Amino acid sequence: MKLRLKFLIYLAVLHLVFALCAVWFFSDNRVWLIAVEIFFVVSFGTGVYLLKRYFDPLRLIQSGAHYIRDGEFTSRFTPTGQQDVDGMLDVYNSMVDRLREERIRNEEQELLLNKVLEESPGGVITLDVDGRIATVNPAAEALMGIKKDDAIGRNLADLDNALADGLAQISQDSSKLIPISGRKRVRCRKGSFMDRGFPRQFLLLDELTDELHQTEKRAYEKLIRMMSHEVNNTSGAVQSLLQSSLGYAKQLRDDDREDFARALEVAIQRTANLDKFMSGFANVVRLPQPQLQPSNPWRIAQQTGLLFKDRCEAADITWKEELDPDLPDVSCDPVQLEQVLVNVIKNATEAIESTGKPGEITLTGSRKGRSCSLSISDTGPGLSPEVQKHLFTPFYTTRENGQGIGLTMVQEILLAHGFDFSLENKQGKG
């Protein structure tokens, strides 16, 4: 039962009792009885009026409480003319005005933040209080190769994703450079923020592949030019002196002439080998712009595979082709693309040969809409974690007499063509 109804019942019962008493005491005096009854009616009416005026502020307070509960901050109360009530209404109106302004400001800030995250070129991932993924912006989706609907609500370690595995291992307030897809490098940082009194974590992902490549390229181009300049200047003069010295062989005794000539020829050959060694590095720096023309990369790959036919047969390596029909011509430089394929197929052949076992090299060509791909896979031992860290790093090689420029040249040619590429282990091996 509401309090207002209780007061009404109380007034009605009270005045009814007094009315009965008045009838009892003034039954012999009709004038007084009528006067008392009129007084009770006026008193009861006055009580009801005052009760209504008393409960009006309570009704307003209840309405205001409902508005606040429902988040309705646009409704304001008009003054009633009662000083006490109007004072409470002024307080309420000021409060809802501030709440409305705060909500509008928060909504605008949230919209701005969401817009910034949507348009940001850097990846942003936020985690909930339990360490599960709460939000993923489009840049993070692209870097991780996942859909946010598949990631939200899951732990990073459960995504079966190389980048996600690396992110899960980053400690709080630290950063790490994580390699993905054989070539890409992503700088990742983990931080924290407070959300409604609870600490949460966020991850920032910034791909540095192009920046690192440009820095490396400027560094090794400067080094190669300096080395090539010094070696060529020195070897040219030495070659000339050695060739001139051979002319004096006829002036020597017969028993000394042969040793003298052989020694000079060895020195000349070693100097020529040094020139050839340096030219391999210089070719990377002097790589010309591709001469684009319609060509079929898969046909070029088939023809390049024929160059290794005898070597593959000797090592018991099977060449396989899995090509979709009607693969289109692509605008590329066939000569440079052949250089790429020679390096890749040569690496695949050497990888299988290192195992001493039979193996397979598979050329695959596929087309999905306007996107086409060419891949060469082998059944060799695959890439070790250490090698994966240094893929496409200039001068890095695992071979005893390697120069470490093969993949660098591959990278430069493919980048000049605008082709996307990667080098990584496949499931199983190779």
Protein backbone atom coordinates (compact mmCIF):
# COMPACT_ATOMS: atom_id res chain seq x y z
CA MET A 1 0.00 0.00 0.00
CA LYS A 2 1.38 3.40 -0.99
CA LEU A 3 2.15 6.00 1.65
CA ARG A 4 -0.28 8.50 0.10
CA LEU A 5 -3.18 6.05 0.40
CA LYS A 6 -2.26 5.34 4.00
CA PHE A 7 -2.45 9.07 4.81
CA LEU A 8 -5.85 9.35 3.10
CA ILE A 9 -7.22 6.41 5.08
CA TYR A 10 -5.81 7.92 8.25
CA LEU A 11 -7.55 11.29 7.58
CA ALA A 12 -10.83 9.60 6.65
CA VAL A 13 -10.88 7.38 9.78
CA LEU A 14 -9.82 10.27 12.06
CA HIS A 15 -12.55 12.63 10.80
CA LEU A 16 -15.15 9.84 10.81
CA VAL A 17 -14.43 9.13 14.50
CA PHE A 18 -14.63 12.82 15.38
CA ALA A 19 -17.88 13.12 13.37
CA LEU A 20 -19.46 10.22 15.29
CA CYS A 21 -18.35 11.79 18.57
CA ALA A 22 -19.85 15.11 17.52
CA VAL A 23 -23.17 13.39 16.74
CA TRP A 24 -23.05 11.77 20.18
CA PHE A 25 -22.29 15.00 22.05
CA PHE A 26 -24.37 17.49 20.03
CA SER A 27 -27.42 15.36 19.12
CA ASP A 28 -29.63 17.72 21.16
CA ASN A 29 -28.13 20.87 19.62
CA ARG A 30 -28.62 20.85 15.90
CA VAL A 31 -26.83 24.16 15.29
CA TRP A 32 -23.58 23.06 16.90
CA LEU A 33 -23.83 19.67 15.25
CA ILE A 34 -24.11 21.26 11.78
CA ALA A 35 -21.25 23.69 12.56
CA VAL A 36 -18.99 20.87 13.77
CA GLU A 37 -19.84 18.73 10.74
CA ILE A 38 -19.08 21.62 8.40
CA PHE A 39 -15.75 22.10 10.22
CA PHE A 40 -14.90 18.40 9.80
CA VAL A 41 -15.70 18.54 6.05
CA VAL A 42 -13.54 21.66 5.63
CA SER A 43 -10.77 20.06 7.76
CA PHE A 44 -10.87 16.86 5.73
CA GLY A 45 -10.77 18.78 2.42
CA THR A 46 -7.90 20.92 3.71
CA GLY A 47 -6.03 17.77 4.77
CA VAL A 48 -6.52 16.18 1.37
CA TYR A 49 -5.32 19.39 -0.36
CA LEU A 50 -2.23 19.68 1.89
CA LEU A 51 -1.54 15.97 1.41
CA LYS A 52 -1.66 16.42 -2.34
CA ARG A 53 0.68 19.41 -2.19
CA TYR A 54 2.99 17.43 0.07
CA PHE A 55 3.18 14.45 -2.25
CA ASP A 56 3.56 16.45 -5.50
CA PRO A 57 7.35 16.86 -4.95
CA LEU A 58 7.59 13.14 -4.22
CA ARG A 59 5.82 12.44 -7.54
CA LEU A 60 8.30 14.69 -9.31
CA ILE A 61 11.21 12.96 -7.56
CA GLN A 62 9.86 9.58 -8.64
CA SER A 63 9.50 10.78 -12.25
CA GLY A 64 13.05 12.12 -12.17
CA ALA A 65 14.31 8.79 -10.78
CA HIS A 66 12.59 6.94 -13.64
CA TYR A 67 14.15 9.29 -16.19
CA ILE A 68 17.63 8.77 -14.72
CA ARG A 69 17.12 5.01 -14.57
CA ASP A 70 16.12 4.95 -18.24
CA GLY A 71 18.98 7.24 -19.25
CA GLU A 72 16.57 9.98 -20.33
CA PHE A 73 18.47 13.22 -19.74
CA THR A 74 16.55 15.46 -22.15
CA SER A 75 13.47 16.01 -19.92
CA ARG A 76 13.46 18.99 -17.54
CA PHE A 77 10.85 20.02 -14.92
CA THR A 78 9.20 23.46 -15.00
CA PRO A 79 8.93 25.49 -11.76
CA THR A 80 5.78 24.83 -9.67
CA GLY A 81 5.72 28.12 -7.74
CA GLN A 82 6.61 26.38 -4.47
CA GLN A 83 9.93 27.63 -3.21
CA ASP A 84 11.04 24.37 -1.61
CA VAL A 85 9.98 22.25 -4.58
CA ASP A 86 11.49 24.65 -7.11
CA GLY A 87 14.82 24.46 -5.29
CA MET A 88 14.89 20.66 -5.75
CA LEU A 89 13.82 21.01 -9.37
CA ASP A 90 16.67 23.44 -10.06
CA VAL A 91 19.13 20.92 -8.61
CA TYR A 92 17.62 18.12 -10.70
CA ASN A 93 17.59 20.17 -13.91
CA SER A 94 21.25 21.18 -13.42
CA MET A 95 22.21 17.56 -12.74
CA VAL A 96 20.52 16.17 -15.88
CA ASP A 97 22.02 18.99 -17.97
CA ARG A 98 25.51 17.99 -16.85
CA LEU A 99 24.74 14.30 -17.36
CA ARG A 100 23.42 15.00 -20.85
CA GLU A 101 26.48 17.06 -21.78
CA GLU A 102 28.79 14.38 -20.37
CA ARG A 103 26.99 11.64 -22.29
CA ILE A 104 27.15 13.63 -25.53
CA ARG A 105 30.84 14.32 -24.96
CA ASN A 106 31.54 10.63 -24.23
CA GLU A 107 29.57 9.53 -27.30
CA GLU A 108 31.46 11.98 -29.49
CA GLN A 109 34.79 10.83 -28.06
CA GLU A 110 33.83 7.18 -28.56
CA LEU A 111 32.77 7.86 -32.16
CA LEU A 112 36.03 9.70 -32.78
CA LEU A 113 38.06 6.88 -31.21
CA ASN A 114 36.23 4.25 -33.27
CA LYS A 115 36.76 6.30 -36.43
CA VAL A 116 40.47 6.72 -35.68
CA LEU A 117 40.84 2.97 -35.02
CA GLU A 118 38.97 2.11 -38.22
CA GLU A 119 41.15 4.42 -40.34
CA SER A 120 44.44 3.82 -38.50
CA PRO A 121 47.19 2.23 -40.64
CA GLY A 122 48.51 0.61 -37.47
CA GLY A 123 46.89 -2.43 -35.92
CA VAL A 124 45.19 -2.11 -32.52
CA ILE A 125 43.94 -5.00 -30.37
CA THR A 126 42.35 -4.60 -26.95
CA LEU A 127 41.94 -7.37 -24.40
CA ASP A 128 39.25 -7.71 -21.75
CA VAL A 129 39.94 -8.13 -18.02
CA ASP A 130 40.37 -11.89 -18.55
CA GLY A 131 42.97 -11.43 -21.29
CA ARG A 132 40.62 -12.37 -24.15
CA ILE A 133 40.39 -10.32 -27.35
CA ALA A 134 37.77 -7.57 -27.05
CA THR A 135 38.31 -5.47 -30.21
CA VAL A 136 40.36 -5.78 -33.41
CA ASN A 137 40.65 -2.91 -35.90
CA PRO A 138 40.86 -3.50 -39.70
CA ALA A 139 44.64 -2.96 -39.84
CA ALA A 140 45.17 -5.67 -37.21
CA GLU A 141 42.82 -7.98 -39.13
CA ALA A 142 44.92 -7.52 -42.28
CA LEU A 143 48.24 -8.06 -40.50
CA MET A 144 47.07 -11.17 -38.69
CA GLY A 145 45.08 -12.57 -41.61
CA ILE A 146 41.98 -13.21 -39.51
CA LYS A 147 38.41 -11.93 -39.20
CA LYS A 148 37.60 -10.05 -36.00
CA ASP A 149 34.42 -12.08 -35.52
CA ASP A 150 36.59 -15.21 -35.34
CA ALA A 151 39.02 -13.60 -32.89
CA ILE A 152 36.82 -11.71 -30.42
CA GLY A 153 36.34 -13.61 -27.17
CA ARG A 154 39.37 -15.88 -27.71
CA ASN A 155 42.87 -15.88 -26.24
CA LEU A 156 45.74 -14.89 -28.53
CA ALA A 157 47.46 -18.24 -28.03
CA ASP A 158 44.35 -20.07 -29.28
CA LEU A 159 44.24 -18.41 -32.73
CA ASP A 160 46.79 -20.74 -34.40
CA ASN A 161 48.46 -17.72 -35.97
CA ALA A 162 52.20 -16.96 -36.06
CA LEU A 163 51.73 -13.27 -35.26
CA ALA A 164 49.20 -14.04 -32.50
CA ASP A 165 51.65 -16.51 -30.93
CA GLY A 166 54.31 -13.79 -30.90
CA LEU A 167 51.89 -11.28 -29.39
CA ALA A 168 50.97 -13.70 -26.61
CA GLN A 169 54.63 -13.83 -25.55
CA ILE A 170 55.15 -10.07 -25.21
CA SER A 171 55.45 -8.94 -21.60
CA GLN A 172 53.65 -5.88 -20.23
CA ASP A 173 54.95 -2.44 -21.31
CA SER A 174 57.50 -3.88 -23.73
CA SER A 175 57.87 -4.15 -27.51
CA LYS A 176 59.08 -6.80 -29.92
CA LEU A 177 59.83 -7.10 -33.64
CA ILE A 178 58.00 -10.16 -34.98
CA PRO A 179 58.71 -11.64 -38.46
CA ILE A 180 55.73 -13.05 -40.38
CA SER A 181 55.27 -14.60 -43.83
CA GLY A 182 59.02 -14.92 -44.24
CA ARG A 183 59.52 -11.24 -45.15
CA LYS A 184 57.19 -8.98 -43.21
CA ARG A 185 58.37 -7.43 -39.96
CA VAL A 186 55.84 -6.15 -37.43
CA ARG A 187 56.77 -4.05 -34.39
CA CYS A 188 54.40 -4.89 -31.56
CA ARG A 189 53.95 -3.18 -28.20
CA LYS A 190 51.81 -4.13 -25.22
CA GLY A 191 50.43 -1.48 -22.85
CA SER A 192 47.62 -1.12 -20.32
CA PHE A 193 44.75 1.24 -19.52
CA MET A 194 41.97 1.52 -16.93
CA ASP A 195 38.39 0.78 -17.91
CA ARG A 196 35.69 1.43 -15.28
CA GLY A 197 38.17 0.78 -12.51
CA PHE A 198 39.65 -2.41 -13.97
CA PRO A 199 43.06 -2.74 -15.69
CA ARG A 200 43.00 -3.91 -19.31
CA GLN A 201 45.68 -4.43 -21.95
CA PHE A 202 46.09 -3.26 -25.53
CA LEU A 203 48.48 -4.20 -28.35
CA LEU A 204 49.81 -1.87 -31.05
CA LEU A 205 50.96 -3.42 -34.34
CA ASP A 206 53.05 -1.45 -36.82
CA GLU A 207 54.39 -3.06 -39.99
CA LEU A 208 57.96 -1.88 -40.62
CA THR A 209 58.75 -4.08 -43.63
CA ASP A 210 59.16 -1.28 -46.16
CA GLU A 211 60.98 1.06 -43.75
CA LEU A 212 63.44 -1.66 -42.72
CA HIS A 213 63.95 -2.70 -46.34
CA GLN A 214 64.71 0.85 -47.44
CA THR A 215 67.14 1.30 -44.55
CA GLU A 216 68.89 -1.99 -45.34
CA LYS A 217 68.95 -1.19 -49.05
CA ARG A 218 70.57 2.22 -48.54
CA ALA A 219 73.15 0.65 -46.23
CA TYR A 220 74.15 -2.26 -48.46
CA GLU A 221 74.11 -0.16 -51.65
CA LYS A 222 76.57 2.26 -50.07
CA LEU A 223 78.74 -0.59 -48.84
CA ILE A 224 78.72 -2.41 -52.20
CA ARG A 225 79.56 0.72 -54.16
CA MET A 226 82.46 1.50 -51.85
CA MET A 227 83.78 -2.09 -51.95
CA SER A 228 83.31 -2.34 -55.73
CA HIS A 229 85.12 0.95 -56.29
CA GLU A 230 88.11 -0.04 -54.19
CA VAL A 231 88.33 -3.61 -55.51
CA ASN A 232 87.98 -2.59 -59.17
CA ASN A 233 90.61 0.13 -58.86
CA THR A 234 93.03 -2.23 -57.17
CA SER A 235 92.36 -5.34 -59.27
CA GLY A 236 92.57 -3.39 -62.54
CA ALA A 237 96.03 -2.10 -61.70
CA VAL A 238 97.18 -5.48 -60.38
CA GLN A 239 95.87 -7.28 -63.50
CA SER A 240 97.75 -4.86 -65.71
CA LEU A 241 100.99 -5.30 -63.76
CA LEU A 242 100.67 -9.07 -63.75
CA GLN A 243 100.01 -9.22 -67.49
CA SER A 244 103.04 -7.00 -68.08
CA SER A 245 105.17 -9.19 -65.83
CA LEU A 246 104.35 -12.25 -67.93
CA GLY A 247 106.30 -10.62 -70.75
CA TYR A 248 109.49 -11.01 -68.74
CA ALA A 249 109.08 -14.81 -68.56
CA LYS A 250 111.14 -15.24 -71.74
CA GLN A 251 114.11 -13.56 -70.07
CA LEU A 252 114.25 -16.13 -67.29
CA ARG A 253 116.11 -19.42 -67.29
CA ASP A 254 114.19 -22.38 -68.61
CA ASP A 255 113.97 -24.04 -65.19
CA ASP A 256 112.52 -20.83 -63.60
CA ARG A 257 110.27 -19.73 -66.45
CA GLU A 258 107.51 -22.31 -65.94
CA ASP A 259 107.12 -21.66 -62.19
CA PHE A 260 107.18 -17.91 -62.74
CA ALA A 261 104.49 -18.04 -65.44
CA ARG A 262 102.31 -20.43 -63.42
CA ALA A 263 102.48 -18.20 -60.33
CA LEU A 264 101.50 -15.13 -62.33
CA GLU A 265 98.65 -16.99 -64.05
CA VAL A 266 97.30 -18.11 -60.65
CA ALA A 267 97.47 -14.54 -59.37
CA ILE A 268 95.72 -13.27 -62.52
CA GLN A 269 93.01 -15.91 -62.16
CA ARG A 270 92.47 -15.11 -58.47
CA THR A 271 92.17 -11.42 -59.30
CA ALA A 272 89.64 -12.24 -62.03
CA ASN A 273 87.69 -14.36 -59.55
CA LEU A 274 87.66 -11.43 -57.13
CA ASP A 275 86.22 -9.21 -59.89
CA LYS A 276 83.59 -11.83 -60.62
CA PHE A 277 82.80 -12.15 -56.90
CA MET A 278 82.30 -8.40 -56.58
CA SER A 279 80.21 -8.22 -59.75
CA GLY A 280 77.62 -10.45 -58.05
CA PHE A 281 77.12 -7.80 -55.37
CA ALA A 282 77.26 -4.96 -57.88
CA ASN A 283 74.53 -6.58 -59.99
CA VAL A 284 72.10 -6.18 -57.08
CA VAL A 285 72.82 -2.45 -56.92
CA ARG A 286 72.74 -2.00 -60.70
CA LEU A 287 69.54 -3.99 -61.17
CA PRO A 288 67.63 -2.18 -63.95
CA GLN A 289 63.94 -1.35 -63.88
CA PRO A 290 61.86 -4.23 -65.26
CA GLN A 291 60.92 -4.05 -68.93
CA LEU A 292 57.26 -4.97 -68.60
CA GLN A 293 55.48 -6.93 -71.29
CA PRO A 294 52.66 -9.51 -71.33
CA SER A 295 54.23 -12.82 -70.30
CA ASN A 296 53.12 -16.06 -68.69
CA PRO A 297 55.05 -16.59 -65.41
CA TRP A 298 53.94 -20.22 -65.13
CA ARG A 299 55.25 -21.05 -68.61
CA ILE A 300 58.52 -19.32 -67.71
CA ALA A 301 58.67 -21.47 -64.56
CA GLN A 302 58.09 -24.64 -66.63
CA GLN A 303 60.91 -23.68 -68.99
CA THR A 304 63.21 -22.83 -66.07
CA GLY A 305 62.49 -26.23 -64.54
CA LEU A 306 63.85 -27.87 -67.70
CA LEU A 307 67.25 -26.26 -66.98
CA PHE A 308 67.46 -28.39 -63.83
CA LYS A 309 66.17 -31.60 -65.43
CA ASP A 310 69.53 -33.43 -65.49
CA ARG A 311 70.46 -32.31 -61.98
CA CYS A 312 67.07 -33.40 -60.61
CA GLU A 313 67.31 -36.80 -62.28
CA ALA A 314 70.79 -37.31 -60.82
CA ALA A 315 69.51 -36.50 -57.31
CA ASP A 316 66.28 -38.54 -57.75
CA ILE A 317 64.15 -35.38 -57.54
CA THR A 318 60.72 -35.42 -59.18
CA TRP A 319 59.40 -32.26 -60.86
CA LYS A 320 55.62 -31.89 -60.51
CA GLU A 321 53.23 -29.32 -61.93
CA GLU A 322 49.79 -28.43 -60.56
CA LEU A 323 48.50 -25.61 -62.75
CA ASP A 324 44.96 -24.30 -63.11
CA PRO A 325 43.74 -24.10 -66.72
CA ASP A 326 43.75 -20.79 -68.60
CA LEU A 327 46.24 -18.96 -66.42
CA PRO A 328 46.50 -15.45 -67.91
CA ASP A 329 49.48 -13.47 -69.13
CA VAL A 330 50.86 -11.00 -66.60
CA SER A 331 52.69 -7.74 -67.16
CA CYS A 332 56.27 -8.54 -66.12
CA ASP A 333 59.89 -8.70 -67.25
CA PRO A 334 60.42 -12.32 -68.40
CA VAL A 335 64.22 -12.09 -68.13
CA GLN A 336 64.18 -10.83 -64.55
CA LEU A 337 61.43 -13.24 -63.59
CA GLU A 338 63.56 -16.08 -64.95
CA GLN A 339 66.40 -14.90 -62.68
CA VAL A 340 64.01 -15.14 -59.72
CA LEU A 341 62.87 -18.64 -60.65
CA VAL A 342 66.42 -19.87 -61.23
CA ASN A 343 67.36 -18.77 -57.70
CA VAL A 344 64.26 -20.30 -56.13
CA ILE A 345 64.44 -23.64 -57.97
CA LYS A 346 68.19 -23.85 -57.31
CA ASN A 347 67.56 -23.35 -53.57
CA ALA A 348 64.83 -25.99 -53.61
CA THR A 349 67.11 -28.46 -55.40
CA GLU A 350 69.98 -27.85 -52.96
CA ALA A 351 67.61 -28.24 -50.00
CA ILE A 352 66.54 -31.71 -51.14
CA GLU A 353 70.11 -32.69 -52.06
CA SER A 354 71.21 -31.82 -48.52
CA THR A 355 68.98 -34.59 -47.15
CA GLY A 356 70.55 -37.26 -49.37
CA LYS A 357 67.06 -38.62 -50.06
CA PRO A 358 64.66 -38.55 -53.03
CA GLY A 359 62.29 -35.62 -53.10
CA GLU A 360 59.83 -33.53 -55.05
CA ILE A 361 59.68 -29.98 -56.34
CA THR A 362 56.14 -28.82 -57.13
CA LEU A 363 55.20 -25.87 -59.32
CA THR A 364 51.69 -24.63 -58.47
CA GLY A 365 49.63 -22.03 -60.32
CA SER A 366 46.19 -20.90 -59.25
CA ARG A 367 43.71 -18.15 -59.99
CA LYS A 368 40.96 -16.69 -57.79
CA GLY A 369 39.09 -13.89 -59.50
CA ARG A 370 41.65 -11.24 -60.49
CA SER A 371 44.28 -12.64 -58.14
CA CYS A 372 46.83 -15.18 -59.39
CA SER A 373 49.63 -16.98 -57.59
CA LEU A 374 52.73 -18.96 -58.44
CA SER A 375 54.44 -21.09 -55.83
CA ILE A 376 57.37 -23.48 -55.79
CA SER A 377 57.56 -25.95 -52.91
CA ASP A 378 60.01 -28.68 -52.06
CA THR A 379 60.25 -31.64 -49.70
CA GLY A 380 63.55 -30.57 -48.17
CA PRO A 381 64.24 -30.01 -44.47
CA GLY A 382 62.49 -26.63 -44.38
CA LEU A 383 63.67 -23.45 -42.72
CA SER A 384 65.15 -23.45 -39.23
CA PRO A 385 63.97 -20.80 -36.76
CA GLU A 386 67.34 -19.05 -37.04
CA VAL A 387 67.13 -18.90 -40.84
CA GLN A 388 63.54 -17.66 -40.70
CA LYS A 389 64.66 -14.67 -38.60
CA HIS A 390 67.17 -13.60 -41.28
CA LEU A 391 65.26 -14.31 -44.49
CA PHE A 392 65.93 -11.66 -47.15
CA THR A 393 68.63 -10.12 -44.94
CA PRO A 394 71.44 -8.93 -47.28
CA PHE A 395 74.64 -11.04 -47.19
CA TYR A 396 73.13 -13.61 -44.79
CA THR A 397 73.84 -17.17 -45.95
CA THR A 398 74.10 -20.64 -44.43
CA ARG A 399 76.33 -21.98 -47.23
CA GLU A 400 80.07 -22.15 -46.77
CA ASN A 401 80.88 -20.31 -50.00
CA GLY A 402 77.59 -18.41 -50.35
CA GLN A 403 77.37 -14.65 -50.82
CA GLY A 404 73.88 -14.14 -49.40
CA ILE A 405 72.68 -12.09 -52.38
CA GLY A 406 70.37 -14.59 -54.11
CA LEU A 407 67.26 -13.85 -52.06
CA THR A 408 68.18 -10.17 -51.94
CA MET A 409 68.06 -10.06 -55.74
CA VAL A 410 64.80 -12.05 -55.74
CA GLN A 411 63.30 -9.56 -53.32
CA GLU A 412 64.40 -6.50 -55.32
CA ILE A 413 63.02 -7.89 -58.59
CA LEU A 414 59.65 -8.85 -57.10
CA LEU A 415 59.30 -5.53 -55.29
CA ALA A 416 60.09 -3.66 -58.51
CA HIS A 417 57.26 -5.61 -60.17
CA GLY A 418 54.85 -4.84 -57.33
CA PHE A 419 54.30 -8.54 -56.65
CA ASP A 420 53.44 -9.77 -53.16
CA PHE A 421 55.59 -12.69 -52.03
CA SER A 422 56.61 -14.79 -49.06
CA LEU A 423 58.99 -17.60 -48.17
CA GLU A 424 58.04 -19.87 -45.30
CA ASN A 425 57.73 -23.44 -44.13
CA LYS A 426 54.77 -25.46 -45.29
CA GLN A 427 52.92 -27.93 -43.11
CA GLY A 428 54.84 -31.15 -42.79
CA LYS A 429 58.24 -30.26 -44.20
CA GLY A 430 59.90 -28.31 -46.98
